């Protein structure tokens, strides 16, 4: 009795480049949404202009020359290059991790969101010399949380997913 031979395309392992594509696509979507939102806000608002949306949320055009929470924002410009270099180094490391762990979905979701957010802010630093922020949450009596953007949100969600994935992995052992 003869055995049936499987077609070559069925048994061929997926290439590493193909396994990266979903994660690069997710990062690209984050970058696209981030940049489109920043283009929109800079078209509609002047620097410092604010529009109340709800009792706890405003849109405001703010420029951040520093890092998170405007850390080092008043240091004369060198921080732009430092934060760009750090972000690009992180993206290189993320690409390495994505190639190595392409099958770990939650881990890769987290990394792709972080990478997309980091690159979204790098684009701002290189194009404008600062990051464009516009989401302003506040609570009466507690003041305003520092303004942020879609890229920052993606980085935060990615970090939360990363922690969740690590806690889940530790609990399995």
N, C-alpha and C. Protein backbone atom coordinates (compact mmCIF):
# COMPACT_ATOMS: atom_id res chain seq x y z
N UNK A 1 0.84 -1.18 0.00
CA UNK A 1 0.00 0.00 0.00
C UNK A 1 0.89 1.24 0.00
N UNK A 2 0.66 2.13 -0.91
CA UNK A 2 1.48 3.34 -1.05
C UNK A 2 0.98 4.43 -0.11
N UNK A 3 1.92 5.14 0.48
CA UNK A 3 1.52 6.26 1.34
C UNK A 3 1.43 7.52 0.51
N UNK A 4 0.50 8.35 0.89
CA UNK A 4 0.31 9.61 0.18
C UNK A 4 1.36 10.62 0.61
N UNK A 5 1.97 11.28 -0.34
CA UNK A 5 2.98 12.29 -0.06
C UNK A 5 2.28 13.63 0.17
N UNK A 6 2.67 14.32 1.25
CA UNK A 6 2.09 15.64 1.55
C UNK A 6 2.67 16.67 0.59
N UNK A 7 1.86 17.62 0.15
CA UNK A 7 2.39 18.69 -0.69
C UNK A 7 3.45 19.49 0.10
N UNK A 8 4.46 19.98 -0.61
CA UNK A 8 5.56 20.69 0.03
C UNK A 8 5.10 21.92 0.80
N UNK A 9 4.08 22.61 0.31
CA UNK A 9 3.65 23.83 0.97
C UNK A 9 2.99 23.56 2.31
N UNK A 10 2.50 22.37 2.55
CA UNK A 10 1.86 22.05 3.82
C UNK A 10 2.91 21.76 4.89
N UNK A 11 3.97 21.06 4.53
CA UNK A 11 4.94 20.65 5.53
C UNK A 11 6.07 21.66 5.74
N UNK A 12 6.16 22.66 4.90
CA UNK A 12 7.23 23.65 5.04
C UNK A 12 7.00 24.50 6.27
N UNK A 13 8.02 24.65 7.13
CA UNK A 13 7.85 25.49 8.32
C UNK A 13 7.73 26.96 7.93
N UNK A 14 6.98 27.68 8.72
CA UNK A 14 6.83 29.12 8.47
C UNK A 14 8.16 29.81 8.69
N UNK A 15 8.49 30.75 7.84
CA UNK A 15 9.75 31.48 8.02
C UNK A 15 9.62 32.46 9.18
N UNK A 16 10.75 32.84 9.72
CA UNK A 16 10.75 33.78 10.83
C UNK A 16 10.16 35.12 10.42
N UNK A 17 10.41 35.54 9.18
CA UNK A 17 9.87 36.83 8.71
C UNK A 17 8.36 36.79 8.71
N UNK A 18 7.79 35.68 8.26
CA UNK A 18 6.33 35.56 8.24
C UNK A 18 5.76 35.56 9.65
N UNK A 19 6.47 34.99 10.61
CA UNK A 19 5.95 34.95 11.98
C UNK A 19 6.01 36.33 12.64
N UNK A 20 6.84 37.23 12.10
CA UNK A 20 6.91 38.59 12.61
C UNK A 20 5.82 39.50 12.05
N UNK A 21 5.29 39.14 10.90
CA UNK A 21 4.37 40.03 10.19
C UNK A 21 3.16 40.47 11.02
N UNK A 22 2.48 39.59 11.73
CA UNK A 22 1.33 40.08 12.51
C UNK A 22 1.73 41.14 13.54
N UNK A 23 2.89 40.93 14.17
CA UNK A 23 3.33 41.84 15.22
C UNK A 23 3.82 43.16 14.64
N UNK A 24 4.49 43.10 13.51
CA UNK A 24 4.88 44.34 12.83
C UNK A 24 3.65 45.08 12.33
N UNK A 25 2.65 44.33 11.88
CA UNK A 25 1.39 44.94 11.44
C UNK A 25 0.68 45.65 12.59
N UNK A 26 0.66 45.03 13.76
CA UNK A 26 0.05 45.66 14.93
C UNK A 26 0.80 46.93 15.31
N UNK A 27 2.13 46.87 15.32
CA UNK A 27 2.93 48.06 15.62
C UNK A 27 2.65 49.16 14.60
N UNK A 28 2.53 48.79 13.33
CA UNK A 28 2.25 49.77 12.28
C UNK A 28 0.88 50.43 12.51
N UNK A 29 -0.11 49.67 12.91
CA UNK A 29 -1.45 50.23 13.19
C UNK A 29 -1.37 51.23 14.33
N UNK A 30 -0.62 50.90 15.38
CA UNK A 30 -0.43 51.84 16.50
C UNK A 30 0.21 53.12 16.00
N UNK A 31 1.27 53.00 15.21
CA UNK A 31 1.97 54.19 14.68
C UNK A 31 1.02 55.01 13.82
N UNK A 32 0.26 54.35 12.97
CA UNK A 32 -0.68 55.05 12.08
C UNK A 32 -1.74 55.80 12.87
N UNK A 33 -2.37 55.14 13.83
CA UNK A 33 -3.39 55.81 14.66
C UNK A 33 -2.79 56.96 15.46
N UNK A 34 -1.61 56.74 15.99
CA UNK A 34 -0.93 57.77 16.76
C UNK A 34 -0.64 58.99 15.89
N UNK A 35 -0.04 58.79 14.75
CA UNK A 35 0.35 59.91 13.89
C UNK A 35 -0.87 60.62 13.31
N UNK A 36 -1.90 59.87 12.92
CA UNK A 36 -3.11 60.52 12.41
C UNK A 36 -3.79 61.36 13.49
N UNK A 37 -3.81 60.86 14.72
CA UNK A 37 -4.42 61.63 15.81
C UNK A 37 -3.62 62.90 16.09
N UNK A 38 -2.30 62.82 16.01
CA UNK A 38 -1.45 63.98 16.26
C UNK A 38 -1.57 65.01 15.12
N UNK A 39 -1.65 64.53 13.90
CA UNK A 39 -1.86 65.45 12.77
C UNK A 39 -3.19 66.17 12.93
N UNK A 40 -4.22 65.43 13.32
CA UNK A 40 -5.55 66.02 13.51
C UNK A 40 -5.53 67.08 14.60
N UNK A 41 -4.95 66.75 15.74
CA UNK A 41 -4.96 67.69 16.87
C UNK A 41 -4.14 68.94 16.56
N UNK A 42 -3.01 68.78 15.86
CA UNK A 42 -2.19 69.96 15.54
C UNK A 42 -2.83 70.82 14.46
N UNK A 43 -3.71 70.22 13.67
CA UNK A 43 -4.44 70.99 12.66
C UNK A 43 -5.57 71.79 13.29
N UNK A 44 -6.20 71.21 14.31
CA UNK A 44 -7.39 71.83 14.91
C UNK A 44 -7.09 72.74 16.10
N UNK A 45 -5.95 72.58 16.74
CA UNK A 45 -5.64 73.30 17.97
C UNK A 45 -4.35 74.10 17.84
N UNK A 46 -4.27 75.17 18.59
CA UNK A 46 -3.03 75.91 18.78
C UNK A 46 -2.37 75.37 20.05
N UNK A 47 -1.04 75.52 20.16
CA UNK A 47 -0.34 75.03 21.34
C UNK A 47 -0.97 75.61 22.62
N UNK A 48 -1.32 74.75 23.56
CA UNK A 48 -1.93 75.17 24.81
C UNK A 48 -3.44 75.28 24.77
N UNK A 49 -4.03 75.26 23.58
CA UNK A 49 -5.49 75.37 23.47
C UNK A 49 -6.14 74.11 24.04
N UNK A 50 -7.27 74.31 24.71
CA UNK A 50 -7.94 73.22 25.42
C UNK A 50 -9.42 73.22 25.07
N UNK A 51 -10.00 72.02 24.92
CA UNK A 51 -11.44 71.90 24.70
C UNK A 51 -11.99 70.86 25.67
N UNK A 52 -12.95 71.28 26.47
CA UNK A 52 -13.59 70.39 27.44
C UNK A 52 -14.50 69.42 26.69
N UNK A 53 -14.33 68.14 26.97
CA UNK A 53 -15.16 67.10 26.36
C UNK A 53 -16.16 66.58 27.39
N UNK A 54 -15.68 66.26 28.58
CA UNK A 54 -16.54 65.83 29.69
C UNK A 54 -16.05 66.52 30.96
N UNK A 55 -16.66 66.19 32.08
CA UNK A 55 -16.24 66.76 33.35
C UNK A 55 -14.89 66.25 33.82
N UNK A 56 -14.34 65.22 33.16
CA UNK A 56 -13.06 64.66 33.58
C UNK A 56 -12.06 64.50 32.42
N UNK A 57 -12.44 64.96 31.23
CA UNK A 57 -11.57 64.76 30.07
C UNK A 57 -11.59 65.98 29.15
N UNK A 58 -10.39 66.42 28.77
CA UNK A 58 -10.22 67.52 27.82
C UNK A 58 -9.30 67.08 26.70
N UNK A 59 -9.41 67.75 25.58
CA UNK A 59 -8.38 67.68 24.55
C UNK A 59 -7.55 68.94 24.70
N UNK A 60 -6.23 68.80 24.65
CA UNK A 60 -5.34 69.94 24.79
C UNK A 60 -4.09 69.66 23.97
N UNK A 61 -3.61 70.65 23.27
CA UNK A 61 -2.37 70.46 22.51
C UNK A 61 -1.19 70.86 23.38
N UNK A 62 -0.38 69.86 23.73
CA UNK A 62 0.78 70.09 24.59
C UNK A 62 2.01 69.48 23.93
N UNK A 63 3.15 70.09 24.16
CA UNK A 63 4.41 69.59 23.64
C UNK A 63 5.27 69.12 24.80
N UNK A 64 5.79 67.92 24.69
CA UNK A 64 6.62 67.34 25.73
C UNK A 64 8.01 67.09 25.16
N UNK A 65 8.99 67.85 25.63
CA UNK A 65 10.37 67.69 25.17
C UNK A 65 11.12 66.66 26.01
N UNK A 66 10.49 66.17 27.07
CA UNK A 66 11.14 65.20 27.94
C UNK A 66 10.59 63.80 27.72
N UNK A 67 10.62 63.03 28.80
CA UNK A 67 10.09 61.67 28.77
C UNK A 67 8.74 61.68 29.49
N UNK A 68 8.35 60.55 30.03
CA UNK A 68 7.08 60.44 30.73
C UNK A 68 6.96 61.51 31.80
N UNK A 69 5.79 62.11 31.90
CA UNK A 69 5.49 63.16 32.87
C UNK A 69 6.42 64.36 32.73
N UNK A 70 6.90 64.60 31.51
CA UNK A 70 7.80 65.72 31.18
C UNK A 70 9.15 65.64 31.89
N UNK A 71 9.56 64.45 32.28
CA UNK A 71 10.86 64.25 32.93
C UNK A 71 11.97 64.77 32.01
N UNK A 72 12.82 65.63 32.52
CA UNK A 72 13.94 66.26 31.81
C UNK A 72 13.51 67.18 30.66
N UNK A 73 12.31 67.69 30.72
CA UNK A 73 11.81 68.50 29.60
C UNK A 73 12.49 69.86 29.48
N UNK A 74 13.13 70.33 30.53
CA UNK A 74 13.75 71.66 30.48
C UNK A 74 15.27 71.59 30.47
N UNK A 75 15.82 70.62 29.74
CA UNK A 75 17.26 70.39 29.76
C UNK A 75 18.01 70.87 28.51
N UNK A 76 17.39 71.64 27.65
CA UNK A 76 18.11 72.26 26.55
C UNK A 76 18.17 71.48 25.25
N UNK A 77 17.57 70.32 25.15
CA UNK A 77 17.48 69.63 23.87
C UNK A 77 18.25 68.33 23.75
N UNK A 78 19.29 68.10 24.55
CA UNK A 78 20.06 66.87 24.44
C UNK A 78 19.21 65.63 24.73
N UNK A 79 18.19 65.81 25.57
CA UNK A 79 17.34 64.68 25.96
C UNK A 79 16.58 64.10 24.78
N UNK A 80 16.32 64.93 23.77
CA UNK A 80 15.65 64.46 22.54
C UNK A 80 16.43 63.30 21.94
N UNK A 81 17.74 63.45 21.85
CA UNK A 81 18.58 62.42 21.25
C UNK A 81 18.74 61.21 22.16
N UNK A 82 18.82 61.46 23.46
CA UNK A 82 18.93 60.36 24.42
C UNK A 82 17.68 59.48 24.36
N UNK A 83 16.49 60.10 24.43
CA UNK A 83 15.26 59.32 24.43
C UNK A 83 15.02 58.64 23.09
N UNK A 84 15.45 59.26 22.00
CA UNK A 84 15.35 58.62 20.69
C UNK A 84 16.25 57.39 20.64
N UNK A 85 17.48 57.52 21.12
CA UNK A 85 18.42 56.39 21.13
C UNK A 85 17.91 55.26 22.01
N UNK A 86 17.38 55.60 23.17
CA UNK A 86 16.83 54.57 24.07
C UNK A 86 15.67 53.84 23.39
N UNK A 87 14.78 54.59 22.77
CA UNK A 87 13.62 53.99 22.10
C UNK A 87 14.06 53.09 20.95
N UNK A 88 15.02 53.54 20.15
CA UNK A 88 15.49 52.73 19.03
C UNK A 88 16.21 51.47 19.51
N UNK A 89 16.96 51.58 20.60
CA UNK A 89 17.57 50.40 21.20
C UNK A 89 16.52 49.42 21.69
N UNK A 90 15.48 49.95 22.32
CA UNK A 90 14.39 49.10 22.81
C UNK A 90 13.68 48.41 21.64
N UNK A 91 13.48 49.13 20.54
CA UNK A 91 12.83 48.53 19.36
C UNK A 91 13.69 47.39 18.81
N UNK A 92 15.00 47.59 18.77
CA UNK A 92 15.89 46.51 18.31
C UNK A 92 15.76 45.28 19.20
N UNK A 93 15.74 45.48 20.50
CA UNK A 93 15.60 44.36 21.44
C UNK A 93 14.22 43.71 21.30
N UNK A 94 13.20 44.51 21.11
CA UNK A 94 11.84 43.97 20.92
C UNK A 94 11.78 43.11 19.66
N UNK A 95 12.40 43.56 18.58
CA UNK A 95 12.42 42.76 17.34
C UNK A 95 13.10 41.41 17.59
N UNK A 96 14.19 41.41 18.33
CA UNK A 96 14.87 40.17 18.70
C UNK A 96 13.93 39.26 19.48
N UNK A 97 13.25 39.81 20.49
CA UNK A 97 12.32 39.01 21.30
C UNK A 97 11.14 38.51 20.48
N UNK A 98 10.63 39.32 19.57
CA UNK A 98 9.52 38.89 18.73
C UNK A 98 9.93 37.71 17.84
N UNK A 99 11.13 37.77 17.28
CA UNK A 99 11.62 36.67 16.45
C UNK A 99 11.77 35.40 17.29
N UNK A 100 12.26 35.56 18.47
CA UNK A 100 12.56 34.42 19.33
C UNK A 100 11.31 33.79 19.94
N UNK A 101 10.28 34.61 20.19
CA UNK A 101 9.07 34.12 20.89
C UNK A 101 7.80 34.38 20.09
N UNK A 102 7.89 34.27 18.78
CA UNK A 102 6.77 34.63 17.91
C UNK A 102 5.48 33.85 18.22
N UNK A 103 5.59 32.69 18.81
CA UNK A 103 4.41 31.89 19.11
C UNK A 103 3.70 32.25 20.41
N UNK A 104 4.30 33.08 21.23
CA UNK A 104 3.69 33.46 22.50
C UNK A 104 2.84 34.71 22.28
N UNK A 105 1.58 34.49 22.05
CA UNK A 105 0.70 35.55 21.56
C UNK A 105 0.59 36.76 22.49
N UNK A 106 0.29 36.54 23.74
CA UNK A 106 0.10 37.67 24.66
C UNK A 106 1.40 38.46 24.83
N UNK A 107 2.50 37.75 24.96
CA UNK A 107 3.82 38.37 25.08
C UNK A 107 4.10 39.23 23.85
N UNK A 108 3.82 38.69 22.67
CA UNK A 108 4.07 39.43 21.43
C UNK A 108 3.11 40.60 21.25
N UNK A 109 1.87 40.44 21.68
CA UNK A 109 0.94 41.59 21.67
C UNK A 109 1.53 42.73 22.49
N UNK A 110 2.00 42.39 23.68
CA UNK A 110 2.57 43.41 24.57
C UNK A 110 3.76 44.09 23.91
N UNK A 111 4.67 43.30 23.36
CA UNK A 111 5.86 43.87 22.73
C UNK A 111 5.51 44.72 21.51
N UNK A 112 4.56 44.27 20.70
CA UNK A 112 4.18 45.02 19.50
C UNK A 112 3.55 46.36 19.87
N UNK A 113 2.72 46.38 20.91
CA UNK A 113 2.13 47.65 21.36
C UNK A 113 3.20 48.60 21.87
N UNK A 114 4.14 48.08 22.65
CA UNK A 114 5.23 48.90 23.17
C UNK A 114 6.08 49.44 22.01
N UNK A 115 6.39 48.58 21.06
CA UNK A 115 7.21 48.99 19.92
C UNK A 115 6.50 50.06 19.09
N UNK A 116 5.22 49.86 18.80
CA UNK A 116 4.47 50.85 18.03
C UNK A 116 4.41 52.19 18.74
N UNK A 117 4.19 52.16 20.04
CA UNK A 117 4.14 53.40 20.82
C UNK A 117 5.49 54.10 20.85
N UNK A 118 6.54 53.33 21.05
CA UNK A 118 7.89 53.91 21.09
C UNK A 118 8.23 54.57 19.76
N UNK A 119 7.92 53.89 18.66
CA UNK A 119 8.22 54.46 17.34
C UNK A 119 7.35 55.67 17.03
N UNK A 120 6.10 55.66 17.49
CA UNK A 120 5.24 56.83 17.31
C UNK A 120 5.83 58.06 17.96
N UNK A 121 6.37 57.91 19.16
CA UNK A 121 6.99 59.05 19.85
C UNK A 121 8.35 59.41 19.26
N UNK A 122 9.08 58.42 18.74
CA UNK A 122 10.35 58.71 18.07
C UNK A 122 10.11 59.57 16.83
N UNK A 123 9.07 59.25 16.09
CA UNK A 123 8.73 60.05 14.91
C UNK A 123 8.54 61.51 15.31
N UNK A 124 7.81 61.75 16.40
CA UNK A 124 7.60 63.12 16.88
C UNK A 124 8.92 63.79 17.24
N UNK A 125 9.75 63.09 17.99
CA UNK A 125 11.02 63.68 18.43
C UNK A 125 11.89 64.07 17.23
N UNK A 126 11.93 63.20 16.22
CA UNK A 126 12.75 63.49 15.05
C UNK A 126 12.14 64.56 14.16
N UNK A 127 10.83 64.56 14.02
CA UNK A 127 10.16 65.51 13.12
C UNK A 127 9.96 66.88 13.75
N UNK A 128 9.66 66.93 15.05
CA UNK A 128 9.28 68.20 15.68
C UNK A 128 10.21 68.63 16.82
N UNK A 129 11.00 67.72 17.34
CA UNK A 129 11.85 68.03 18.48
C UNK A 129 11.14 67.83 19.81
N UNK A 130 9.91 67.40 19.78
CA UNK A 130 9.12 67.14 21.00
C UNK A 130 8.02 66.14 20.67
N UNK A 131 7.42 65.58 21.69
CA UNK A 131 6.29 64.67 21.52
C UNK A 131 5.00 65.46 21.66
N UNK A 132 4.06 65.18 20.78
CA UNK A 132 2.76 65.85 20.81
C UNK A 132 1.83 65.05 21.71
N UNK A 133 1.32 65.71 22.76
CA UNK A 133 0.36 65.11 23.68
C UNK A 133 -0.95 65.86 23.58
N UNK A 134 -2.07 65.17 23.84
CA UNK A 134 -3.35 65.85 23.70
C UNK A 134 -4.48 65.28 24.54
N UNK A 135 -4.29 64.14 25.16
CA UNK A 135 -5.33 63.55 26.00
C UNK A 135 -5.12 64.01 27.44
N UNK A 136 -6.09 64.71 27.99
CA UNK A 136 -5.95 65.33 29.31
C UNK A 136 -7.09 64.87 30.22
N UNK A 137 -6.76 63.99 31.16
CA UNK A 137 -7.74 63.53 32.15
C UNK A 137 -7.51 64.27 33.46
N UNK A 138 -8.60 64.56 34.15
CA UNK A 138 -8.50 65.29 35.41
C UNK A 138 -9.67 64.91 36.31
N UNK A 139 -9.49 65.19 37.58
CA UNK A 139 -10.53 64.92 38.57
C UNK A 139 -10.58 66.10 39.52
N UNK A 140 -11.78 66.60 39.75
CA UNK A 140 -11.95 67.76 40.61
C UNK A 140 -11.28 67.53 41.96
N UNK A 141 -10.48 68.48 42.38
CA UNK A 141 -9.79 68.38 43.65
C UNK A 141 -8.44 67.67 43.57
N UNK A 142 -8.21 66.90 42.51
CA UNK A 142 -6.95 66.19 42.36
C UNK A 142 -6.10 66.74 41.23
N UNK A 143 -6.63 67.64 40.46
CA UNK A 143 -5.86 68.24 39.37
C UNK A 143 -5.84 67.39 38.11
N UNK A 144 -4.92 67.74 37.24
CA UNK A 144 -4.82 67.10 35.93
C UNK A 144 -3.69 66.08 35.91
N UNK A 145 -3.98 64.93 35.33
CA UNK A 145 -2.95 63.95 35.03
C UNK A 145 -2.15 64.52 33.86
N UNK A 146 -0.85 64.28 33.76
CA UNK A 146 -0.11 64.82 32.61
C UNK A 146 -0.72 64.36 31.29
N UNK A 147 -0.78 65.27 30.33
CA UNK A 147 -1.34 64.94 29.02
C UNK A 147 -0.51 63.84 28.36
N UNK A 148 -1.18 63.02 27.56
CA UNK A 148 -0.50 61.92 26.88
C UNK A 148 -1.11 61.72 25.51
N UNK A 149 -0.72 60.67 24.80
CA UNK A 149 -1.19 60.45 23.43
C UNK A 149 -1.47 58.97 23.20
N UNK A 150 -1.80 58.62 21.96
CA UNK A 150 -2.10 57.22 21.60
C UNK A 150 -0.86 56.34 21.79
N UNK A 151 0.31 56.84 21.41
CA UNK A 151 1.54 56.06 21.57
C UNK A 151 1.78 55.73 23.04
N UNK A 152 1.61 56.72 23.91
CA UNK A 152 1.77 56.49 25.35
C UNK A 152 0.76 55.46 25.85
N UNK A 153 -0.46 55.53 25.35
CA UNK A 153 -1.49 54.57 25.73
C UNK A 153 -1.10 53.16 25.31
N UNK A 154 -0.58 53.02 24.09
CA UNK A 154 -0.16 51.70 23.61
C UNK A 154 0.98 51.15 24.45
N UNK A 155 1.93 52.00 24.82
CA UNK A 155 3.04 51.57 25.67
C UNK A 155 2.51 51.10 27.03
N UNK A 156 1.58 51.85 27.60
CA UNK A 156 1.01 51.50 28.90
C UNK A 156 0.24 50.18 28.82
N UNK A 157 -0.60 50.03 27.81
CA UNK A 157 -1.36 48.78 27.66
C UNK A 157 -0.40 47.62 27.42
N UNK A 158 0.63 47.84 26.61
CA UNK A 158 1.64 46.80 26.38
C UNK A 158 2.34 46.40 27.66
N UNK A 159 2.69 47.37 28.49
CA UNK A 159 3.35 47.08 29.76
C UNK A 159 2.44 46.28 30.68
N UNK A 160 1.15 46.63 30.72
CA UNK A 160 0.18 45.90 31.54
C UNK A 160 0.05 44.45 31.04
N UNK A 161 -0.05 44.27 29.71
CA UNK A 161 -0.13 42.93 29.14
C UNK A 161 1.13 42.12 29.42
N UNK A 162 2.29 42.79 29.35
CA UNK A 162 3.57 42.14 29.65
C UNK A 162 3.59 41.62 31.08
N UNK A 163 3.17 42.45 32.02
CA UNK A 163 3.13 42.05 33.43
C UNK A 163 2.13 40.91 33.63
N UNK A 164 0.96 41.04 33.02
CA UNK A 164 -0.06 39.99 33.13
C UNK A 164 0.47 38.67 32.58
N UNK A 165 1.13 38.72 31.42
CA UNK A 165 1.68 37.52 30.81
C UNK A 165 2.75 36.89 31.71
N UNK A 166 3.58 37.70 32.30
CA UNK A 166 4.64 37.19 33.18
C UNK A 166 4.04 36.57 34.45
N UNK A 167 3.03 37.22 35.03
CA UNK A 167 2.37 36.66 36.22
C UNK A 167 1.70 35.33 35.87
N UNK A 168 1.09 35.26 34.71
CA UNK A 168 0.43 34.03 34.27
C UNK A 168 1.46 32.92 34.07
N UNK A 169 2.60 33.27 33.50
CA UNK A 169 3.67 32.29 33.26
C UNK A 169 4.23 31.78 34.59
N UNK A 170 4.44 32.67 35.56
CA UNK A 170 4.97 32.31 36.87
C UNK A 170 3.98 31.39 37.60
N UNK A 171 2.70 31.70 37.50
CA UNK A 171 1.68 30.88 38.18
C UNK A 171 1.55 29.49 37.59
N UNK A 172 1.92 29.31 36.34
CA UNK A 172 1.87 27.97 35.71
C UNK A 172 2.98 27.07 36.23
N UNK A 173 4.06 27.68 36.71
CA UNK A 173 5.22 26.87 37.16
C UNK A 173 5.08 26.36 38.55
